[in-house]
Amino acid sequence: MTNAVDLHGQYEEAMNAADLDTMTSLFDPEARMFLPDGTVVDGRNAIRDVYAALFTQGTSISLTTRFATEVGDLALLSCSWEGVSGGQRMAGITAESARRQPDGRWAFLIDNPWAAPKE
């Protein structure tokens, strides 16, 4: 993965395949993720637990990148998304930051999938 924008495609593939290991690898070890109720989970292991539970519900998602820009080892991204989880349709617009990892790939550092409703 050479560009931060590639994270969106990787995320979509991992989510649709319910690939927990790949999904977890897309997050920085110090990552923070917002949940639908506004609470946050910190760290890759806690985020892994969230996705493990989500994958048991049956999920599918489609993402469209709104923007992605990199400055040094940091990036700011956003996408619009829609999907189904547990038979319920959902949609939203994200606010995300990413950090380049020591091996050169990008990983989400802060992820808010619920930053704004999709219009």
Protein backbone atom coordinates (compact mmCIF):
# COMPACT_ATOMS: atom_id res chain seq x y z
CA MET A 1 0.00 0.00 0.00
CA THR A 2 1.72 3.16 -1.16
CA ASN A 3 -0.99 5.80 -0.80
CA ALA A 4 -3.29 6.54 2.12
CA VAL A 5 -6.33 6.55 -0.20
CA ASP A 6 -5.72 2.82 -0.74
CA LEU A 7 -7.03 2.25 2.79
CA HIS A 8 -10.62 2.68 1.62
CA GLY A 9 -10.37 -0.13 -0.93
CA GLN A 10 -8.58 -2.38 1.52
CA TYR A 11 -11.25 -1.67 4.15
CA GLU A 12 -14.09 -2.44 1.73
CA GLU A 13 -12.46 -5.73 0.70
CA ALA A 14 -11.78 -6.80 4.29
CA MET A 15 -15.29 -5.91 5.43
CA ASN A 16 -17.01 -7.71 2.56
CA ALA A 17 -14.84 -10.79 3.10
CA ALA A 18 -15.28 -10.65 6.91
CA ASP A 19 -11.48 -10.90 7.04
CA LEU A 20 -10.69 -10.07 10.66
CA ASP A 21 -6.91 -10.28 10.35
CA THR A 22 -6.76 -7.95 7.35
CA MET A 23 -9.25 -5.55 8.93
CA THR A 24 -7.22 -5.39 12.13
CA SER A 25 -4.02 -4.73 10.18
CA LEU A 26 -5.58 -1.60 8.67
CA PHE A 27 -5.45 0.11 12.08
CA ASP A 28 -2.45 1.65 13.81
CA PRO A 29 -1.56 -0.03 17.14
CA GLU A 30 -2.61 3.22 18.89
CA ALA A 31 -5.77 3.73 16.81
CA ARG A 32 -8.99 5.21 18.13
CA MET A 33 -12.38 4.37 16.61
CA PHE A 34 -15.75 5.98 17.27
CA LEU A 35 -18.77 3.73 17.74
CA PRO A 36 -22.33 4.61 16.63
CA ASP A 37 -23.30 5.75 20.13
CA GLY A 38 -20.36 8.20 20.30
CA THR A 39 -18.17 6.15 22.61
CA VAL A 40 -14.65 5.33 21.50
CA VAL A 41 -12.45 2.27 21.60
CA ASP A 42 -8.69 2.60 21.78
CA GLY A 43 -6.04 0.29 20.40
CA ARG A 44 -5.88 -2.32 17.70
CA ASN A 45 -6.97 -5.16 20.01
CA ALA A 46 -10.15 -3.36 21.11
CA ILE A 47 -10.94 -2.48 17.50
CA ARG A 48 -10.42 -6.13 16.55
CA ASP A 49 -13.05 -7.11 19.15
CA VAL A 50 -15.54 -4.65 17.61
CA TYR A 51 -15.08 -6.11 14.14
CA ALA A 52 -15.17 -9.70 15.41
CA ALA A 53 -18.64 -9.00 16.84
CA LEU A 54 -19.73 -7.10 13.72
CA PHE A 55 -18.70 -9.92 11.38
CA THR A 56 -20.99 -12.37 13.20
CA GLN A 57 -23.97 -10.24 12.08
CA GLY A 58 -23.27 -10.54 8.37
CA THR A 59 -22.02 -7.33 6.80
CA SER A 60 -21.48 -5.78 3.40
CA ILE A 61 -20.33 -2.27 2.53
CA SER A 62 -19.58 0.02 -0.38
CA LEU A 63 -17.22 3.01 0.00
CA THR A 64 -16.65 6.07 -2.18
CA THR A 65 -13.62 8.21 -1.33
CA ARG A 66 -14.51 11.89 -0.89
CA PHE A 67 -10.93 13.07 -0.37
CA ALA A 68 -7.52 11.92 0.80
CA THR A 69 -4.45 14.06 1.33
CA GLU A 70 -1.05 13.18 2.74
CA VAL A 71 1.46 15.40 4.52
CA GLY A 72 4.61 13.53 5.49
CA ASP A 73 3.61 10.52 7.55
CA LEU A 74 0.05 11.72 8.26
CA ALA A 75 -3.06 11.71 6.10
CA LEU A 76 -6.60 13.06 6.30
CA LEU A 77 -9.35 11.05 4.59
CA SER A 78 -13.08 10.87 4.20
CA CYS A 79 -15.47 8.59 2.36
CA SER A 80 -19.17 8.11 2.01
CA TRP A 81 -20.37 4.61 2.72
CA GLU A 82 -23.48 2.49 2.71
CA GLY A 83 -23.97 -1.05 3.80
CA VAL A 84 -25.97 -3.69 5.56
CA SER A 85 -25.25 -5.23 8.95
CA GLY A 86 -27.54 -7.69 10.67
CA GLY A 87 -30.15 -7.00 8.00
CA GLN A 88 -30.20 -3.26 8.78
CA ARG A 89 -29.28 -0.69 6.11
CA MET A 90 -26.88 2.03 7.22
CA ALA A 91 -24.98 4.89 5.59
CA GLY A 92 -22.68 7.71 6.60
CA ILE A 93 -19.72 9.93 5.90
CA THR A 94 -16.42 9.32 7.63
CA ALA A 95 -13.70 11.50 9.13
CA GLU A 96 -10.37 9.67 9.33
CA SER A 97 -6.70 10.21 9.90
CA ALA A 98 -3.98 7.74 9.01
CA ARG A 99 -0.32 7.34 9.85
CA ARG A 100 2.42 5.78 7.75
CA GLN A 101 3.73 2.69 9.49
CA PRO A 102 7.44 1.79 9.84
CA ASP A 103 7.08 -0.70 6.95
CA GLY A 104 5.74 2.07 4.66
CA ARG A 105 2.09 1.07 4.55
CA TRP A 106 -0.70 3.30 5.85
CA ALA A 107 -3.01 2.53 8.78
CA PHE A 108 -5.99 4.34 10.27
CA LEU A 109 -5.08 6.32 13.38
CA ILE A 110 -8.46 7.93 14.09
CA ASP A 111 -11.61 6.56 12.48
CA ASN A 112 -15.06 8.08 12.84
CA PRO A 113 -17.41 6.22 10.47
CA TRP A 114 -20.32 8.21 11.91
CA ALA A 115 -18.97 11.75 11.41
CA ALA A 116 -21.97 12.86 9.33
CA PRO A 117 -25.15 11.36 7.88
CA LYS A 118 -25.06 10.53 4.20
CA GLU A 119 -27.41 12.81 2.29
